Amino acid sequence: MELELRHLKTIRAIAEAGSLTKAATALGLAQPALSAQLRRIERALGGTLFERGRYGVRATALGELVLERTRIVLPAVSELQREAARFARTRRDGERLRLGGTHGPLLGALVDRLADAVPGTTVTTCASWSERQLAELLAEGRLDFALTGACGSAPPPDAPHLTWEEVAVDPVFVMLPDGHPLARGREADLAALAGEEWACVPGDGCFGDCFTAVCARAGFTPRRMYETDTASCVHLVQVGRAVGLCRATFPPTPGITTRPLAGTPLVWRHLLGWHRAGQRPDTVATVLAQARAAHAGVAARSDSYAHWLARREDRDAAAARQHRTGLAS
């Protein structure tokens, strides 16, 4: 008898269960059938794999050797099966792009641009507030690309074999009701918002911790944070119940004014992710280019963001002139 993968799985199941009775139940076999199969496996391997005792079974030295190999072989074969399935889907569904994204306007803008850039390709979307979930869907081959993000210099969601590329970096803005005193200024000082209640959309990254840290540096602890969906955040701000945190690309909304936070204490990095083995380089280049163009278009539609960018460019130009003057003198 030649050793097969199912035999290795049987050996592992027996070791994990600790008894032939429990292993047989887990494998859906009768115990006599499992015992007979184990004897055939042991004959093929040339020795006893388990010592039978009153309280179950225990691996012999040969059994430990075989089990150690199963810990390498079985995961490797499972990964091979996943890679093969992903490769087959990529070739079979070459005219389909499955996109995932967190909350925000960028996913819709990317879908719109891809409709023109790759006509004839079917684009489907999946939205989630969880960056980790999107990374898992990419790793499993259930998404082709994911638009997500990270706070400041935080790393992207960790999953094997994924590549993440930066699309853009935005300041984090504050959403204020139109009648709020700080809505009349160019920017809002975070310390001046110490008495407010806050609203933001949920996420499983470090954004909440980063926000708490910058508030502490500004000398206060947020009174309350409402974590809820985008529509509810907008409503809470519109009625004056809270002020909200948003990306600078947040679209114009009736009743709400968005303003940058003075000193830009928080930034958000937009990221595009994909599985290295599942995408052709030309497809990656197209989707990444369209994602960056989509961000530029969304940013251009935000007056407050456009003004912030213009002021930053003026400051950078002034700093460059001052530097040149200093060198000349």
Protein backbone atom coordinates (compact mmCIF):
# COMPACT_ATOMS: atom_id res chain seq x y z
CA MET A 1 0.00 0.00 0.00
CA GLU A 2 1.29 3.46 -0.91
CA LEU A 3 0.95 6.22 1.63
CA GLU A 4 -1.63 8.88 0.68
CA LEU A 5 -2.62 12.28 2.04
CA ARG A 6 -5.77 10.82 3.57
CA HIS A 7 -3.56 8.47 5.60
CA LEU A 8 -1.59 11.42 6.99
CA LYS A 9 -4.86 13.13 7.90
CA THR A 10 -5.96 9.97 9.68
CA ILE A 11 -2.73 9.84 11.70
CA ARG A 12 -3.10 13.48 12.68
CA ALA A 13 -6.76 12.98 13.66
CA ILE A 14 -5.84 10.07 15.95
CA ALA A 15 -3.06 12.06 17.61
CA GLU A 16 -5.29 15.10 18.13
CA ALA A 17 -8.19 13.03 19.50
CA GLY A 18 -6.00 10.95 21.82
CA SER A 19 -8.08 7.83 21.29
CA LEU A 20 -9.29 5.68 18.43
CA THR A 21 -12.91 6.03 19.57
CA LYS A 22 -12.86 9.83 19.48
CA ALA A 23 -10.90 9.88 16.22
CA ALA A 24 -13.38 7.52 14.59
CA THR A 25 -16.25 9.80 15.60
CA ALA A 26 -14.43 12.85 14.22
CA LEU A 27 -13.69 11.07 10.94
CA GLY A 28 -17.17 9.58 10.60
CA LEU A 29 -15.89 6.00 10.70
CA ALA A 30 -16.65 2.95 12.78
CA GLN A 31 -13.88 2.22 15.27
CA PRO A 32 -13.08 -1.26 13.83
CA ALA A 33 -12.71 0.27 10.38
CA LEU A 34 -10.34 2.94 11.73
CA SER A 35 -8.32 0.34 13.62
CA ALA A 36 -7.96 -1.76 10.46
CA GLN A 37 -6.91 1.31 8.46
CA LEU A 38 -4.32 2.24 11.08
CA ARG A 39 -2.83 -1.27 10.93
CA ARG A 40 -2.48 -0.98 7.13
CA ILE A 41 -0.79 2.42 7.50
CA GLU A 42 1.60 1.05 10.12
CA ARG A 43 2.52 -1.86 7.84
CA ALA A 44 3.22 0.59 5.01
CA LEU A 45 5.46 2.68 7.26
CA GLY A 46 7.21 -0.31 8.81
CA GLY A 47 6.38 0.15 12.47
CA THR A 48 3.90 1.01 15.20
CA LEU A 49 2.74 4.61 15.27
CA PHE A 50 0.68 4.60 18.47
CA GLU A 51 0.85 2.71 21.73
CA ARG A 52 -2.62 1.65 22.85
CA GLY A 53 -3.33 2.06 26.53
CA ARG A 54 -6.17 2.02 28.98
CA TYR A 55 -6.67 5.77 28.64
CA GLY A 56 -6.17 6.15 24.92
CA VAL A 57 -3.26 6.22 22.53
CA ARG A 58 0.18 7.84 22.60
CA ALA A 59 2.52 8.34 19.66
CA THR A 60 5.64 6.21 19.49
CA ALA A 61 8.98 7.62 18.36
CA LEU A 62 8.09 6.65 14.79
CA GLY A 63 4.66 8.19 15.26
CA GLU A 64 6.22 11.47 16.43
CA LEU A 65 8.45 11.50 13.34
CA VAL A 66 5.47 10.99 11.02
CA LEU A 67 3.38 13.60 12.88
CA GLU A 68 6.20 16.13 12.56
CA ARG A 69 6.17 15.61 8.79
CA THR A 70 2.38 15.98 8.61
CA ARG A 71 2.72 19.44 10.17
CA ILE A 72 4.76 20.42 7.12
CA VAL A 73 3.15 18.39 4.35
CA LEU A 74 -0.55 18.94 5.03
CA PRO A 75 -0.44 22.78 5.27
CA ALA A 76 1.76 22.87 2.15
CA VAL A 77 -0.73 20.79 0.18
CA SER A 78 -3.65 22.92 1.42
CA GLU A 79 -1.82 26.06 0.31
CA LEU A 80 -1.11 24.46 -3.08
CA GLN A 81 -4.81 23.69 -3.51
CA ARG A 82 -5.78 27.28 -2.64
CA GLU A 83 -3.17 28.71 -5.01
CA ALA A 84 -4.28 26.41 -7.82
CA ALA A 85 -7.94 27.33 -7.30
CA ARG A 86 -7.04 31.03 -7.23
CA PHE A 87 -4.99 30.69 -10.40
CA ALA A 88 -7.81 28.83 -12.15
CA ARG A 89 -10.34 31.49 -11.12
CA THR A 90 -8.05 34.25 -12.33
CA ARG A 91 -7.79 32.65 -15.76
CA ARG A 92 -11.45 31.67 -15.94
CA ASP A 93 -12.73 35.03 -14.70
CA GLY A 94 -10.26 37.22 -16.54
CA GLU A 95 -13.04 39.64 -17.43
CA ARG A 96 -14.15 40.14 -13.83
CA LEU A 97 -12.82 42.32 -11.04
CA ARG A 98 -14.02 41.79 -7.48
CA LEU A 99 -13.34 44.90 -5.40
CA GLY A 100 -13.62 45.37 -1.67
CA GLY A 101 -13.48 48.58 0.32
CA THR A 102 -14.14 50.25 3.63
CA HIS A 103 -16.56 53.13 4.06
CA GLY A 104 -15.91 56.27 2.00
CA PRO A 105 -16.36 57.62 -1.50
CA LEU A 106 -13.24 56.10 -3.04
CA LEU A 107 -14.68 52.66 -3.86
CA GLY A 108 -17.55 54.10 -5.88
CA ALA A 109 -15.22 56.47 -7.71
CA LEU A 110 -12.90 53.57 -8.60
CA VAL A 111 -15.81 51.50 -9.96
CA ASP A 112 -16.85 54.47 -12.10
CA ARG A 113 -13.36 54.94 -13.55
CA LEU A 114 -12.84 51.22 -14.24
CA ALA A 115 -16.07 51.17 -16.25
CA ASP A 116 -14.32 53.46 -18.75
CA ALA A 117 -10.78 52.11 -18.38
CA VAL A 118 -11.63 48.41 -18.83
CA PRO A 119 -14.93 48.28 -20.74
CA GLY A 120 -16.49 44.85 -20.89
CA THR A 121 -15.08 43.84 -17.50
CA THR A 122 -17.65 42.93 -14.88
CA VAL A 123 -16.90 44.77 -11.62
CA THR A 124 -18.45 43.63 -8.35
CA THR A 125 -18.04 45.21 -4.91
CA CYS A 126 -17.97 44.16 -1.28
CA ALA A 127 -18.03 46.77 1.51
CA SER A 128 -16.87 46.14 5.07
CA TRP A 129 -15.86 48.26 8.04
CA SER A 130 -13.21 45.64 8.91
CA GLU A 131 -9.79 46.04 7.33
CA ARG A 132 -8.82 42.59 8.59
CA GLN A 133 -11.84 40.98 6.97
CA LEU A 134 -10.96 42.50 3.60
CA ALA A 135 -7.40 41.21 3.96
CA GLU A 136 -8.72 37.72 4.70
CA LEU A 137 -10.97 37.82 1.63
CA LEU A 138 -7.96 38.79 -0.49
CA ALA A 139 -5.84 35.99 0.99
CA GLU A 140 -8.60 33.45 0.34
CA GLY A 141 -8.97 34.54 -3.29
CA ARG A 142 -12.53 35.83 -2.78
CA LEU A 143 -11.55 39.39 -3.73
CA ASP A 144 -9.17 40.62 -6.42
CA PHE A 145 -8.40 44.04 -4.91
CA ALA A 146 -9.25 45.84 -1.68
CA LEU A 147 -9.28 49.55 -0.89
CA THR A 148 -8.65 50.11 2.77
CA GLY A 149 -6.37 52.27 4.86
CA ALA A 150 -4.18 52.73 7.89
CA CYS A 151 -3.69 55.49 10.41
CA GLY A 152 -0.41 57.40 10.13
CA SER A 153 2.54 55.05 9.83
CA ALA A 154 0.65 51.97 11.05
CA PRO A 155 1.23 48.83 8.96
CA PRO A 156 -1.52 47.53 6.66
CA PRO A 157 -3.62 44.51 7.64
CA ASP A 158 -1.38 41.48 8.05
CA ALA A 159 -2.14 38.46 5.86
CA PRO A 160 0.22 36.12 3.98
CA HIS A 161 1.14 36.77 0.35
CA LEU A 162 -0.58 40.17 0.12
CA THR A 163 0.90 43.30 -1.43
CA TRP A 164 -0.20 46.77 -0.31
CA GLU A 165 0.49 49.93 -2.28
CA GLU A 166 -0.17 53.47 -1.10
CA VAL A 167 -2.81 55.31 -3.13
CA ALA A 168 -2.74 58.65 -1.28
CA VAL A 169 -2.28 60.22 2.15
CA ASP A 170 -4.97 62.53 3.50
CA PRO A 171 -5.31 64.64 6.62
CA VAL A 172 -8.14 63.71 8.95
CA PHE A 173 -10.80 66.45 9.08
CA VAL A 174 -13.52 67.24 11.58
CA MET A 175 -17.20 67.44 10.64
CA LEU A 176 -19.04 70.34 12.28
CA PRO A 177 -22.66 71.44 12.11
CA ASP A 178 -22.91 74.55 9.94
CA GLY A 179 -23.76 76.71 12.96
CA HIS A 180 -20.75 75.63 15.03
CA PRO A 181 -18.43 78.56 15.94
CA LEU A 182 -15.37 76.75 14.56
CA ALA A 183 -17.09 76.20 11.21
CA ARG A 184 -16.38 79.85 10.34
CA GLY A 185 -12.59 79.45 10.52
CA ARG A 186 -10.12 77.91 8.11
CA GLU A 187 -9.21 75.14 10.53
CA ALA A 188 -10.24 73.83 13.93
CA ASP A 189 -7.96 73.60 16.94
CA LEU A 190 -8.41 70.17 18.52
CA ALA A 191 -8.11 71.59 22.04
CA ALA A 192 -11.06 73.90 21.31
CA LEU A 193 -13.20 70.78 20.80
CA ALA A 194 -12.43 69.33 24.24
CA GLY A 195 -16.02 69.71 25.43
CA GLU A 196 -17.61 67.99 22.45
CA GLU A 197 -18.98 64.51 21.98
CA TRP A 198 -17.65 62.66 18.94
CA ALA A 199 -18.89 60.38 16.17
CA CYS A 200 -16.98 58.17 13.75
CA VAL A 201 -17.43 54.99 11.76
CA PRO A 202 -16.08 51.75 13.27
CA GLY A 203 -12.89 49.97 12.26
CA ASP A 204 -10.55 47.34 13.63
CA GLY A 205 -7.31 49.26 13.07
CA CYS A 206 -5.53 51.60 15.48
CA PHE A 207 -7.39 54.80 14.51
CA GLY A 208 -9.31 54.99 17.79
CA ASP A 209 -6.11 54.67 19.82
CA CYS A 210 -4.37 57.27 17.65
CA PHE A 211 -7.24 59.71 18.14
CA THR A 212 -7.21 59.21 21.92
CA ALA A 213 -3.45 59.83 21.94
CA VAL A 214 -3.66 63.13 20.03
CA CYS A 215 -6.49 64.27 22.32
CA ALA A 216 -4.29 63.52 25.32
CA ARG A 217 -1.51 65.63 23.78
CA ALA A 218 -4.08 68.40 23.31
CA GLY A 219 -4.89 68.19 27.02
CA PHE A 220 -8.21 66.34 27.20
CA THR A 221 -9.96 62.98 27.03
CA PRO A 222 -12.91 62.68 24.61
CA ARG A 223 -16.18 62.82 26.53
CA ARG A 224 -17.94 60.21 24.42
CA MET A 225 -17.40 58.48 21.09
CA TYR A 226 -20.35 57.23 19.06
CA GLU A 227 -19.18 54.47 16.72
CA THR A 228 -21.84 53.97 14.09
CA ASP A 229 -22.53 53.89 10.35
CA THR A 230 -21.83 56.88 8.11
CA ALA A 231 -25.47 57.98 7.83
CA SER A 232 -25.87 58.01 11.62
CA CYS A 233 -22.60 59.94 12.05
CA VAL A 234 -23.86 62.54 9.60
CA HIS A 235 -27.18 62.81 11.42
CA LEU A 236 -25.53 63.23 14.83
CA VAL A 237 -23.40 66.08 13.46
CA GLN A 238 -26.27 67.74 11.60
CA VAL A 239 -28.43 67.92 14.73
CA GLY A 240 -25.54 69.16 16.86
CA ARG A 241 -25.32 66.06 19.03
CA ALA A 242 -21.66 65.44 18.16
CA VAL A 243 -18.78 66.49 15.97
CA GLY A 244 -17.34 63.87 13.66
CA LEU A 245 -14.04 62.59 12.34
CA CYS A 246 -13.80 62.09 8.60
CA ARG A 247 -11.34 61.74 5.78
CA ALA A 248 -10.51 64.94 3.93
CA THR A 249 -12.27 63.50 0.86
CA PHE A 250 -15.64 63.45 2.66
CA PRO A 251 -18.17 64.74 0.10
CA PRO A 252 -20.10 68.02 0.57
CA THR A 253 -23.14 67.32 2.75
CA PRO A 254 -26.04 69.66 3.62
CA GLY A 255 -25.86 70.98 7.15
CA ILE A 256 -22.22 69.98 7.65
CA THR A 257 -18.96 71.89 7.34
CA THR A 258 -15.67 69.99 7.24
CA ARG A 259 -12.51 71.64 8.51
CA PRO A 260 -8.89 70.47 8.86
CA LEU A 261 -7.49 70.04 12.34
CA ALA A 262 -4.78 72.58 13.11
CA GLY A 263 -1.32 71.07 12.82
CA THR A 264 -2.67 67.94 11.06
CA PRO A 265 -2.36 65.65 14.11
CA LEU A 266 -3.95 62.70 12.27
CA VAL A 267 -3.47 61.39 8.74
CA TRP A 268 -5.05 58.51 6.83
CA ARG A 269 -3.17 56.42 4.26
CA HIS A 270 -5.36 55.01 1.49
CA LEU A 271 -4.07 51.56 0.49
CA LEU A 272 -4.77 49.16 -2.37
CA GLY A 273 -4.13 45.50 -1.66
CA TRP A 274 -4.01 42.32 -3.76
CA HIS A 275 -2.69 38.77 -3.64
CA ARG A 276 0.71 38.48 -5.30
CA ALA A 277 -0.04 35.16 -6.99
CA GLY A 278 -3.49 36.09 -8.22
CA GLN A 279 -3.02 39.22 -10.34
CA ARG A 280 -1.20 40.01 -13.56
CA PRO A 281 1.14 43.03 -13.48
CA ASP A 282 -0.84 44.88 -16.15
CA THR A 283 -4.08 44.47 -14.19
CA VAL A 284 -2.39 45.73 -11.01
CA ALA A 285 -0.99 48.75 -12.86
CA THR A 286 -4.41 49.62 -14.29
CA VAL A 287 -6.34 49.31 -11.03
CA LEU A 288 -3.68 51.21 -9.05
CA ALA A 289 -3.57 54.04 -11.57
CA GLN A 290 -7.36 54.29 -11.60
CA ALA A 291 -7.50 54.25 -7.79
CA ARG A 292 -5.09 57.19 -7.63
CA ALA A 293 -7.04 59.06 -10.29
CA ALA A 294 -10.28 58.30 -8.42
CA HIS A 295 -8.80 59.77 -5.24
CA ALA A 296 -7.69 62.91 -7.06
CA GLY A 297 -11.18 63.35 -8.48
CA VAL A 298 -12.87 62.86 -5.11
CA ALA A 299 -10.44 65.28 -3.45
CA ALA A 300 -11.10 67.93 -6.10
CA ARG A 301 -14.81 67.88 -5.26
CA SER A 302 -14.16 68.87 -1.63
CA ASP A 303 -13.75 72.64 -1.32
CA SER A 304 -12.31 72.41 2.19
CA TYR A 305 -9.72 69.88 1.05
CA ALA A 306 -8.85 71.95 -2.05
CA HIS A 307 -8.29 75.02 0.16
CA TRP A 308 -6.17 72.98 2.58
CA LEU A 309 -4.02 71.69 -0.28
CA ALA A 310 -3.60 75.22 -1.69
CA ARG A 311 -2.49 76.57 1.70
CA ARG A 312 -0.05 73.69 2.13
CA GLU A 313 1.45 74.36 -1.30
CA ASP A 314 1.82 78.05 -0.40
CA ARG A 315 3.55 77.14 2.87
CA ASP A 316 5.87 74.69 1.11
CA ALA A 317 6.75 77.29 -1.52
CA ALA A 318 7.44 79.91 1.16
CA ALA A 319 9.63 77.46 3.09
CA ALA A 320 11.56 76.64 -0.10
CA ARG A 321 12.13 80.35 -0.80
CA GLN A 322 13.30 80.93 2.75
CA HIS A 323 15.68 77.99 2.46
CA ARG A 324 17.13 79.32 -0.78
CA THR A 325 17.51 82.77 0.76
CA GLY A 326 19.34 81.27 3.73
CA LEU A 327 21.72 79.40 1.42
CA ALA A 328 22.38 82.54 -0.63
CA SER A 329 23.25 84.60 2.43
